[in-house]
N, C-alpha and C. Protein backbone atom coordinates (compact mmCIF):
# COMPACT_ATOMS: atom_id res chain seq x y z
N UNK A 1 0.99 -1.20 -0.38
CA UNK A 1 0.00 -0.10 -0.26
C UNK A 1 0.65 0.82 -0.19
N UNK A 2 2.43 1.19 0.35
CA UNK A 2 2.88 2.19 0.35
C UNK A 2 3.24 3.35 -1.11
N UNK A 3 3.21 2.04 -1.89
CA UNK A 3 3.66 2.31 -3.24
C UNK A 3 2.40 3.33 -3.53
N UNK A 4 1.31 3.24 -3.19
CA UNK A 4 0.21 4.10 -3.70
C UNK A 4 0.35 5.64 -3.13
N UNK A 5 0.96 6.01 -2.23
CA UNK A 5 1.13 7.55 -1.57
C UNK A 5 1.55 8.54 -2.69
N UNK A 6 2.43 8.15 -3.26
CA UNK A 6 3.45 9.20 -4.22
C UNK A 6 2.63 9.32 -5.39
N UNK A 7 2.11 8.58 -5.70
CA UNK A 7 1.57 8.70 -7.20
C UNK A 7 -0.09 9.52 -6.47
N UNK A 8 -0.52 9.21 -5.45
CA UNK A 8 -1.82 10.20 -5.15
C UNK A 8 -1.44 11.48 -4.69
N UNK A 9 -0.05 11.44 -4.31
CA UNK A 9 0.02 12.57 -3.48
C UNK A 9 0.17 13.85 -4.73
N UNK A 10 1.22 13.60 -5.39
CA UNK A 10 1.99 14.05 -6.80
C UNK A 10 0.21 14.54 -7.51
N UNK A 11 -0.78 13.42 -7.52
CA UNK A 11 -1.77 13.95 -8.56
C UNK A 11 -2.72 15.15 -7.38
N UNK A 12 -3.05 14.77 -6.48
CA UNK A 12 -3.64 15.93 -5.38
C UNK A 12 -3.14 16.87 -5.64
N UNK A 13 -1.06 16.96 -5.08
CA UNK A 13 -0.36 18.24 -5.40
C UNK A 13 -0.73 18.81 -6.71
N UNK A 14 -0.61 18.27 -8.00
CA UNK A 14 -0.76 18.89 -8.96
C UNK A 14 -2.45 19.42 -9.47
N UNK A 15 -3.23 18.54 -8.84
CA UNK A 15 -5.11 19.59 -9.34
C UNK A 15 -5.01 21.06 -8.43
N UNK A 16 -4.31 20.83 -7.25
CA UNK A 16 -4.45 21.72 -6.01
C UNK A 16 -3.84 22.95 -7.08
N UNK A 17 -2.63 22.57 -7.60
CA UNK A 17 -1.84 24.42 -8.51
C UNK A 17 -2.39 24.27 -9.16
N UNK A 18 -2.92 23.32 -10.53
CA UNK A 18 -3.86 23.35 -11.94
C UNK A 18 -4.86 24.11 -11.28
N UNK A 19 -5.31 24.71 -10.86
CA UNK A 19 -6.86 25.22 -9.99
C UNK A 19 -6.82 26.22 -10.41
N UNK A 20 -5.33 26.71 -9.84
CA UNK A 20 -5.19 28.76 -10.39
C UNK A 20 -4.24 28.85 -10.68
N UNK A 21 -3.51 28.21 -11.19
CA UNK A 21 -1.99 28.31 -12.00
C UNK A 21 -2.16 28.43 -13.38
N UNK A 22 -0.99 29.12 -14.06
CA UNK A 22 -1.07 29.12 -15.02
C UNK A 22 -0.46 27.39 -15.90
N UNK A 23 -0.40 27.38 -17.33
CA UNK A 23 -0.18 26.19 -17.52
C UNK A 23 1.05 25.91 -17.52
N UNK A 24 2.14 27.25 -17.88
CA UNK A 24 3.59 27.21 -18.10
C UNK A 24 3.93 26.66 -16.13
N UNK A 25 3.28 27.52 -15.58
CA UNK A 25 3.68 27.21 -14.27
C UNK A 25 3.28 25.73 -13.85
N UNK A 26 2.36 25.04 -14.07
CA UNK A 26 2.19 23.69 -13.70
C UNK A 26 2.99 22.75 -14.13
N UNK A 27 3.73 23.18 -15.44
CA UNK A 27 4.79 22.59 -16.24
C UNK A 27 5.81 22.76 -15.42
N UNK A 28 6.26 24.00 -14.83
CA UNK A 28 7.32 24.22 -13.99
C UNK A 28 7.81 23.35 -12.86
N UNK A 29 6.47 23.40 -12.24
CA UNK A 29 6.32 22.98 -11.06
C UNK A 29 6.46 21.58 -10.95
N UNK A 30 5.85 20.66 -11.99
CA UNK A 30 6.23 19.19 -12.29
C UNK A 30 7.61 18.93 -12.60
N UNK A 31 8.13 19.71 -13.00
CA UNK A 31 9.51 19.43 -13.15
C UNK A 31 10.46 19.59 -11.98
N UNK A 32 10.06 20.82 -11.09
CA UNK A 32 10.83 21.02 -10.11
C UNK A 32 10.55 19.76 -9.25
N UNK A 33 8.88 19.21 -8.93
CA UNK A 33 8.53 18.36 -8.37
C UNK A 33 9.26 16.93 -8.26
N UNK A 34 9.60 16.46 -9.42
CA UNK A 34 10.25 15.49 -9.91
C UNK A 34 11.69 15.26 -9.41
N UNK A 35 12.21 16.56 -9.44
CA UNK A 35 13.48 16.83 -9.22
C UNK A 35 13.77 16.75 -7.85
N UNK A 36 12.68 17.71 -6.74
CA UNK A 36 13.13 17.35 -5.21
C UNK A 36 12.32 15.78 -4.76
N UNK A 37 11.87 15.43 -5.26
CA UNK A 37 11.27 14.14 -4.71
C UNK A 37 12.50 13.48 -5.00
N UNK A 38 13.39 13.30 -5.66
CA UNK A 38 14.50 12.75 -6.08
C UNK A 38 15.68 13.04 -4.58
N UNK A 39 15.51 14.58 -4.61
CA UNK A 39 16.48 15.22 -3.49
C UNK A 39 16.47 15.22 -2.03
N UNK A 40 14.88 15.61 -1.86
CA UNK A 40 14.04 14.54 -0.57
C UNK A 40 12.67 14.11 -0.96
N UNK A 41 13.68 12.28 -0.69
CA UNK A 41 12.14 12.02 -0.57
C UNK A 41 10.87 12.13 -0.15
N UNK A 42 10.08 11.08 -0.32
CA UNK A 42 8.94 11.10 0.56
C UNK A 42 9.33 10.00 1.88
N UNK A 43 9.02 10.68 3.17
CA UNK A 43 8.97 9.70 4.05
C UNK A 43 7.79 9.41 4.86
N UNK A 44 6.91 8.61 4.19
CA UNK A 44 5.41 8.77 5.13
C UNK A 44 5.60 7.84 6.36
N UNK A 45 4.66 7.86 7.37
CA UNK A 45 4.64 8.02 8.84
C UNK A 45 3.25 8.24 9.03
N UNK A 46 2.80 7.08 9.72
CA UNK A 46 1.78 7.15 10.83
C UNK A 46 1.79 7.85 12.08
N UNK A 47 0.89 9.54 11.63
CA UNK A 47 1.00 9.76 12.96
C UNK A 47 -0.95 10.24 13.73
N UNK A 48 -0.49 10.43 14.64
CA UNK A 48 -2.17 10.51 15.38
C UNK A 48 -2.24 11.85 15.25
N UNK A 49 -3.66 12.02 15.05
CA UNK A 49 -4.03 13.31 14.81
C UNK A 49 -5.28 13.94 15.71
N UNK A 50 -5.67 14.90 16.09
CA UNK A 50 -6.91 14.85 16.62
C UNK A 50 -7.56 16.00 15.85
N UNK A 51 -8.98 15.25 15.71
CA UNK A 51 -10.09 16.01 14.39
C UNK A 51 -11.18 16.08 15.61
N UNK A 52 -12.25 16.69 15.05
CA UNK A 52 -13.36 16.91 15.43
C UNK A 52 -14.83 16.43 14.50
N UNK A 53 -15.23 16.00 15.01
CA UNK A 53 -16.78 16.23 14.32
C UNK A 53 -17.93 16.45 14.69
N UNK A 54 -18.76 17.05 13.75
CA UNK A 54 -20.17 17.49 14.31
C UNK A 54 -20.93 16.98 14.80
N UNK A 55 -21.57 17.12 16.22
CA UNK A 55 -22.63 16.08 16.59
C UNK A 55 -23.81 17.15 17.06
N UNK A 56 -24.93 16.61 17.15
CA UNK A 56 -26.15 17.47 17.72
C UNK A 56 -26.33 16.52 18.61
N UNK A 57 -26.71 17.29 20.18
CA UNK A 57 -27.28 17.32 21.40
C UNK A 57 -28.29 17.72 21.41
N UNK A 58 -29.40 17.51 22.25
CA UNK A 58 -30.65 17.89 23.37
C UNK A 58 -29.99 19.06 23.88
N UNK A 59 -30.77 20.34 23.90
CA UNK A 59 -30.52 21.46 24.16
C UNK A 59 -31.23 21.69 25.78
N UNK A 60 -32.35 20.88 26.05
CA UNK A 60 -33.52 21.22 26.84
C UNK A 60 -34.86 21.54 26.47
N UNK A 61 -34.55 22.27 24.98
CA UNK A 61 -35.91 23.29 25.09
C UNK A 61 -36.79 22.31 24.21
N UNK A 62 -37.89 22.46 23.69
CA UNK A 62 -39.26 21.55 22.91
C UNK A 62 -39.84 22.70 22.48
N UNK A 63 -40.57 22.29 21.32
CA UNK A 63 -41.21 23.30 20.74
C UNK A 63 -42.17 22.66 20.16
N UNK A 64 -43.70 22.86 20.40
CA UNK A 64 -44.34 22.30 20.28
C UNK A 64 -46.04 22.50 19.26
N UNK A 65 -46.26 22.22 18.40
CA UNK A 65 -47.27 22.48 17.69
C UNK A 65 -48.71 21.35 17.80
N UNK A 66 -49.48 21.99 17.36
CA UNK A 66 -50.85 21.56 17.25
C UNK A 66 -51.42 21.42 15.93
N UNK A 67 -51.64 20.60 15.24
CA UNK A 67 -51.72 20.61 13.51
C UNK A 67 -53.10 19.88 13.76
N UNK A 68 -54.69 20.29 13.37
CA UNK A 68 -56.00 19.31 13.34
C UNK A 68 -56.02 18.56 14.81
N UNK A 69 -55.75 18.81 15.87
CA UNK A 69 -56.11 18.19 17.14
C UNK A 69 -54.75 17.23 17.45
N UNK A 70 -53.83 17.28 16.76
CA UNK A 70 -52.56 16.40 16.91
C UNK A 70 -51.39 17.27 17.56
N UNK A 71 -50.73 17.68 18.48
CA UNK A 71 -50.20 18.00 18.92
C UNK A 71 -48.63 17.11 18.60
N UNK A 72 -47.82 18.02 18.27
CA UNK A 72 -46.22 17.18 17.84
C UNK A 72 -45.32 18.04 18.56
N UNK A 73 -43.90 17.45 19.10
CA UNK A 73 -43.20 18.07 19.78
C UNK A 73 -41.91 18.16 19.00
N UNK A 74 -41.07 18.27 19.08
CA UNK A 74 -39.54 18.65 18.32
C UNK A 74 -38.83 19.31 19.71
N UNK A 75 -37.86 18.20 19.91
CA UNK A 75 -36.62 18.65 20.94
C UNK A 75 -35.67 19.21 20.13
N UNK A 76 -35.30 20.74 20.95
CA UNK A 76 -34.31 21.69 20.51
C UNK A 76 -33.16 21.23 20.25
N UNK A 77 -32.06 21.16 20.00
CA UNK A 77 -31.20 20.68 19.59
C UNK A 77 -29.99 21.65 19.62
N UNK A 78 -28.98 21.50 19.99
CA UNK A 78 -27.59 22.32 19.72
C UNK A 78 -26.53 21.69 19.15
N UNK A 79 -25.29 22.46 18.05
CA UNK A 79 -24.32 21.59 17.86
C UNK A 79 -22.84 21.52 18.79
N UNK A 80 -22.38 20.34 18.82
CA UNK A 80 -21.53 20.51 19.56
C UNK A 80 -20.28 19.39 19.01
N UNK A 81 -18.66 19.90 18.97
CA UNK A 81 -18.00 19.66 18.01
C UNK A 81 -17.02 18.36 19.59
N UNK A 82 -17.12 17.31 19.02
CA UNK A 82 -16.36 16.02 19.48
C UNK A 82 -15.11 15.77 18.96
N UNK A 83 -14.04 15.75 19.82
CA UNK A 83 -12.98 15.70 19.09
C UNK A 83 -12.40 14.02 19.32
N UNK A 84 -11.85 13.84 18.72
CA UNK A 84 -11.18 12.25 18.21
C UNK A 84 -10.10 12.19 17.55
N UNK A 85 -9.65 10.66 18.32
CA UNK A 85 -7.90 10.78 17.19
C UNK A 85 -8.17 9.89 16.34
N UNK A 86 -7.43 9.87 15.33
CA UNK A 86 -7.32 9.10 14.08
C UNK A 86 -5.73 9.34 13.72
N UNK A 87 -5.38 7.89 13.19
CA UNK A 87 -4.49 7.42 12.93
C UNK A 87 -4.12 8.06 10.86
N UNK A 88 -3.17 8.86 10.94
CA UNK A 88 -3.50 8.96 9.39
C UNK A 88 -1.43 8.97 8.82
N UNK A 89 -1.46 8.60 7.71
CA UNK A 89 -0.25 8.57 7.10
C UNK A 89 0.19 9.91 6.22
N UNK A 90 1.09 11.12 6.51
CA UNK A 90 1.82 11.76 6.08
C UNK A 90 3.13 11.62 5.81
N UNK A 91 3.92 12.51 4.52
CA UNK A 91 4.59 12.55 4.08
C UNK A 91 5.66 13.90 5.29
N UNK A 92 6.32 13.51 6.45
CA UNK A 92 6.83 14.32 7.29
C UNK A 92 8.15 14.80 6.34
N UNK A 93 8.53 15.09 5.29
CA UNK A 93 9.45 15.87 4.26
C UNK A 93 8.86 16.51 3.31
N UNK A 94 7.18 16.90 3.44
CA UNK A 94 6.72 17.45 2.41
C UNK A 94 6.58 18.70 2.70
N UNK A 95 6.74 19.29 4.20
CA UNK A 95 7.23 20.61 4.74
C UNK A 95 8.79 20.66 4.20
N UNK A 96 9.48 20.14 4.21
CA UNK A 96 10.51 20.73 3.70
C UNK A 96 11.07 20.62 2.32
N UNK A 97 10.26 19.84 1.40
CA UNK A 97 10.69 19.90 0.08
C UNK A 97 9.81 21.11 -0.07
N UNK A 98 8.18 21.44 0.02
CA UNK A 98 7.84 22.34 -0.94
C UNK A 98 8.02 23.61 -1.22
N UNK A 99 8.60 24.34 -0.11
CA UNK A 99 9.45 25.22 -0.60
C UNK A 99 10.38 25.28 -1.75
N UNK A 100 11.25 24.66 -1.98
CA UNK A 100 12.28 24.44 -2.87
C UNK A 100 11.54 24.29 -4.24
N UNK A 101 10.68 23.34 -4.30
CA UNK A 101 9.91 23.35 -4.92
C UNK A 101 9.22 24.13 -5.82
N UNK A 102 8.31 25.18 -5.24
CA UNK A 102 7.97 26.51 -5.50
C UNK A 102 8.73 27.52 -5.81
N UNK A 103 10.29 28.06 -5.35
CA UNK A 103 10.96 28.21 -5.17
C UNK A 103 11.81 27.86 -6.69
N UNK A 104 11.89 27.02 -7.18
CA UNK A 104 12.74 26.25 -8.32
C UNK A 104 11.32 26.47 -9.84
N UNK A 105 10.25 26.64 -9.22
CA UNK A 105 9.24 26.67 -10.37
C UNK A 105 9.16 28.47 -10.40
N UNK A 106 9.23 28.73 -9.60
CA UNK A 106 9.07 30.63 -9.54
C UNK A 106 10.54 31.18 -10.24
N UNK A 107 11.81 30.36 -10.17
CA UNK A 107 13.05 30.69 -10.91
C UNK A 107 12.75 30.40 -12.01
N UNK A 108 12.12 29.52 -12.52
CA UNK A 108 11.94 29.05 -14.21
C UNK A 108 11.24 29.75 -14.67
N UNK A 109 10.04 30.10 -14.01
CA UNK A 109 9.23 31.27 -14.66
C UNK A 109 9.78 32.50 -15.30
N UNK A 110 10.59 32.63 -13.82
CA UNK A 110 11.19 34.07 -14.36
C UNK A 110 11.88 34.05 -15.41
N UNK A 111 13.09 32.83 -15.80
CA UNK A 111 13.84 32.94 -16.76
C UNK A 111 12.70 32.59 -17.92
N UNK A 112 11.86 31.95 -18.05
CA UNK A 112 11.70 32.02 -19.32
C UNK A 112 10.07 32.73 -19.58
N UNK A 113 9.88 33.32 -18.54
CA UNK A 113 8.13 34.29 -18.74
C UNK A 113 8.55 36.04 -18.32
N UNK A 114 9.40 35.91 -17.38
CA UNK A 114 9.96 37.16 -17.02
C UNK A 114 9.10 37.43 -15.58
N UNK A 115 8.21 36.60 -15.15
CA UNK A 115 7.52 36.73 -13.80
C UNK A 115 7.85 35.04 -13.19
N UNK A 116 7.24 35.36 -12.05
CA UNK A 116 7.34 34.49 -10.92
C UNK A 116 6.10 33.44 -11.14
N UNK A 117 4.96 33.92 -11.87
CA UNK A 117 3.73 32.92 -12.29
C UNK A 117 3.54 32.40 -13.58
N UNK A 118 4.79 32.42 -14.40
CA UNK A 118 4.68 32.08 -15.59
C UNK A 118 3.44 32.66 -16.72
N UNK A 119 2.88 33.78 -16.38
CA UNK A 119 2.16 34.19 -16.94
C UNK A 119 2.13 35.29 -17.71
N UNK A 120 1.58 35.21 -19.41
CA UNK A 120 1.77 35.84 -20.61
C UNK A 120 2.34 37.02 -19.96
């Protein structure tokens, strides 16, 4: 299963960058990503992370209505955020590698387009 993470990470990262980047920047980013993944390889580890999930709990109030002689009551609810722990796989080297990739792509764009975003 470990082999699935690098391609998945690359696809997600590329899609996030492609959402707001120019085609030239995406191309530069991909080239720089391939280079920096070799220099600082991914190191996937399981880490425990605290997350929160939304849940509704009764707040002690009740709203009742009567329609055609039938009384219907509904308990009032409030939202609570409940913390829980989850194990997730993370690339512990990503934070170190990503600034190098962005800098490399910006340098490439400056050289080819005259600006760090590869905009025409």
